[in-house]
Protein backbone atom coordinates (compact mmCIF):
# COMPACT_ATOMS: atom_id res chain seq x y z
CA MET A 1 -3.03 -6.28 -23.14
CA ASN A 2 0.22 -6.65 -25.05
CA GLY A 3 2.67 -4.99 -22.77
CA ILE A 4 3.89 -2.22 -25.03
CA LEU A 5 2.99 1.08 -23.94
CA CYS A 6 0.97 3.72 -26.03
CA PRO A 7 3.05 6.91 -27.20
CA GLN A 8 1.24 8.90 -24.66
CA CYS A 9 2.19 6.49 -21.80
CA GLU A 10 5.56 6.28 -23.02
CA SER A 11 6.27 9.95 -22.86
CA LYS A 12 4.39 10.13 -19.29
CA LEU A 13 7.25 7.37 -18.10
CA ASP A 14 9.91 9.43 -19.78
CA GLN A 15 8.67 12.55 -17.99
CA GLY A 16 8.63 10.80 -14.65
CA LYS A 17 4.90 10.79 -14.45
CA LEU A 18 4.61 7.35 -14.10
CA THR A 19 7.01 4.80 -12.60
CA LYS A 20 8.01 1.68 -13.56
CA ALA A 21 6.35 0.26 -10.86
CA ASP A 22 3.29 1.65 -12.17
CA VAL A 23 3.61 -0.23 -15.60
CA ALA A 24 4.59 -3.44 -13.97
CA ALA A 25 1.68 -3.42 -11.75
CA SER A 26 -1.00 -2.34 -14.41
CA ILE A 27 0.37 -5.02 -16.92
CA LYS A 28 0.07 -7.83 -14.07
CA LEU A 29 -3.49 -6.24 -13.44
CA VAL A 30 -4.37 -6.46 -16.81
CA LYS A 31 -2.84 -10.22 -17.34
CA LEU A 32 -5.01 -11.19 -14.24
CA SER A 33 -8.09 -9.83 -15.42
CA GLN A 34 -8.53 -11.98 -18.37
CA LYS A 35 -9.03 -14.61 -15.75
CA ILE A 36 -10.64 -12.99 -13.33
CA PRO A 37 -13.21 -10.37 -14.77
CA GLN A 38 -13.79 -8.50 -10.96
CA ILE A 39 -10.00 -7.34 -11.76
CA ASP A 40 -11.02 -5.58 -15.20
CA LYS A 41 -13.13 -2.88 -13.27
CA PHE A 42 -10.10 -2.08 -11.06
CA THR A 43 -8.69 1.28 -11.04
CA LEU A 44 -5.13 1.53 -10.48
CA ASN A 45 -4.20 5.19 -9.53
CA SER A 46 -0.45 4.70 -9.07
CA CYS A 47 2.42 1.79 -7.42
CA ARG A 48 4.87 2.62 -5.70
CA GLN A 49 8.05 0.40 -4.52
CA SER A 50 9.27 0.34 -1.17
CA HIS A 51 11.84 -2.22 0.07
CA GLY A 52 10.84 -4.97 -2.25
CA ASP A 53 7.14 -4.28 -1.45
CA TYR A 54 4.04 -2.72 -3.51
CA VAL A 55 1.88 -0.12 -2.48
CA LEU A 56 -1.03 -0.17 -4.74
CA TYR A 57 -3.14 2.77 -4.69
CA LEU A 58 -6.88 1.79 -5.61
CA GLY A 59 -10.54 3.00 -5.31
CA SER A 60 -12.39 2.53 -2.01
CA GLN A 61 -14.76 -0.14 -3.80
CA ASP A 62 -11.82 -1.74 -5.64
CA ILE A 63 -10.02 -2.18 -2.15
CA MET A 64 -13.51 -3.45 -0.30
CA THR A 65 -13.72 -6.18 -3.06
CA ILE A 66 -10.11 -7.45 -2.43
CA ARG A 67 -10.60 -7.05 1.38
CA GLN A 68 -13.91 -9.39 1.31
CA SER A 69 -12.22 -12.01 -0.90
CA ARG A 70 -9.04 -14.01 0.71
CA GLU A 71 -8.85 -16.18 -2.51
CA LEU A 72 -8.43 -12.71 -4.51
CA TYR A 73 -6.06 -11.22 -2.08
CA ARG A 74 -3.83 -14.37 -2.67
CA ILE A 75 -4.06 -14.62 -6.40
CA LEU A 76 -3.09 -10.71 -6.25
CA GLN A 77 -0.21 -11.33 -3.97
CA GLY A 78 1.13 -13.93 -6.04
CA GLU A 79 1.69 -12.05 -8.76
CA PHE A 80 3.81 -9.63 -7.33
CA ASP A 81 7.38 -10.20 -5.87
CA GLY A 82 7.56 -8.72 -2.41
CA LYS A 83 4.20 -8.09 -0.51
CA ILE A 84 1.20 -5.81 -1.59
CA TRP A 85 -0.40 -2.92 0.40
CA LEU A 86 -3.64 -1.48 -0.80
CA VAL A 87 -4.12 1.90 0.10
CA HIS A 88 -7.02 4.00 -0.94
CA GLN A 89 -6.23 6.57 -3.82
CA ASP A 90 -6.80 10.02 -2.14
CA SER A 91 -5.79 8.94 1.48
CA ASP A 92 -4.34 11.48 3.44
CA ASP A 93 -1.42 10.60 6.34
CA LYS A 94 -4.04 9.22 8.93
CA LYS A 95 -5.73 7.01 5.73
CA LEU A 96 -2.82 5.64 4.89
CA ILE A 97 -1.41 4.72 8.05
CA GLU A 98 -4.57 3.19 8.35
CA ASP A 99 -4.44 1.10 5.05
CA VAL A 100 -1.12 -0.22 5.74
CA PHE A 101 -2.29 -1.77 9.17
CA PHE A 102 -5.14 -3.09 8.05
CA PRO A 103 -6.35 -5.56 9.62
CA ILE A 104 -5.26 -4.30 12.66
CA LYS A 105 -7.45 -1.86 14.78
CA ILE A 106 -5.49 1.28 15.10
CA LEU A 107 -6.53 2.98 18.62
CA GLY A 108 -4.83 6.45 18.38
CA ILE A 109 -2.91 8.09 15.91
CA ASN A 110 -1.04 11.43 17.21
CA GLN A 111 1.65 14.19 16.09
CA VAL A 112 4.53 14.42 18.71
CA TRP A 113 7.29 16.80 18.50
CA ALA A 114 10.85 15.27 19.47
CA PRO A 115 13.62 17.14 20.97
CA GLY A 116 15.06 18.97 18.26
CA GLY A 117 11.96 20.01 16.36
CA MET A 118 11.72 16.69 15.14
CA GLN A 119 7.87 15.77 14.39
CA LYS A 120 7.31 12.50 14.74
CA THR A 121 3.68 10.45 14.44
CA LYS A 122 2.80 7.88 17.43
CA VAL A 123 0.43 5.03 16.48
CA ILE A 124 -0.97 2.73 19.28
CA VAL A 125 -2.53 -0.36 17.99
CA SER A 126 -4.61 -2.83 19.56
CA GLY A 127 -3.03 -5.84 20.68
CA ARG A 128 0.68 -6.93 21.94
CA LYS A 129 3.74 -7.67 19.72
CA THR A 130 3.77 -11.40 19.20
CA PRO A 131 6.04 -13.60 16.68
CA ARG A 132 2.79 -14.10 15.17
CA PHE A 133 1.85 -10.22 14.74
CA PRO A 134 -0.03 -10.43 11.42
CA ILE A 135 1.99 -7.24 10.08
CA ASP A 136 5.75 -6.10 9.86
CA VAL A 137 5.64 -3.07 11.84
CA ASP A 138 9.26 -2.59 10.24
CA LYS A 139 7.96 -2.51 6.98
CA VAL A 140 5.02 -0.42 7.93
CA VAL A 141 7.52 2.34 9.37
CA ALA A 142 9.49 2.22 6.02
CA ILE A 143 6.58 2.41 3.82
CA ALA A 144 5.05 5.53 5.58
CA HIS A 145 8.91 6.84 5.77
CA ASP A 146 9.27 6.16 1.86
CA LEU A 147 5.86 7.21 0.57
CA ARG A 148 5.18 10.29 2.99
CA LYS A 149 8.63 10.99 5.17
CA ILE A 150 6.39 10.28 8.09
CA ASP A 151 8.70 8.98 10.90
CA LEU A 152 6.19 6.71 12.72
CA VAL A 153 6.54 5.30 16.18
CA VAL A 154 4.44 1.98 17.04
CA GLU A 155 3.33 1.13 20.59
CA PHE A 156 1.10 -1.62 21.33
CA GLU A 157 -2.13 -1.32 23.47
CA ARG A 158 -0.69 -4.34 25.87
CA LYS A 159 3.04 -4.80 26.27
């Protein structure tokens, strides 16, 4: 509440179990929870930074609450310097990809072996790439690589 870590959390930060992004996101959520009681019920498991954006690992119910309220999403987005991405706390690689592409419909996710023994993950999304496409695909590719070392190849349903 006051922006100071307890000795237990301070030692976790020193050991690397908590990151500075975890602490910063927690402080921002606590401050917001004083104005918006809904946020007080959220469980932030971790927060990772990727290219200036924040990936928040939240519980399923928390993500549903945020996705159902555009206003709540805008308020949360306004607290962070970069874009926020909401990811389920216990997500596997497929679920992480689905979460970062939300609200875009994913038609298929496949593992592809490239020459030289490299494994890539091919994602086919609905629609076509236009300047008004709601998600920055390059950021999604960077986030997947930073967080899980997934090499994404994104293709669109319509060219």
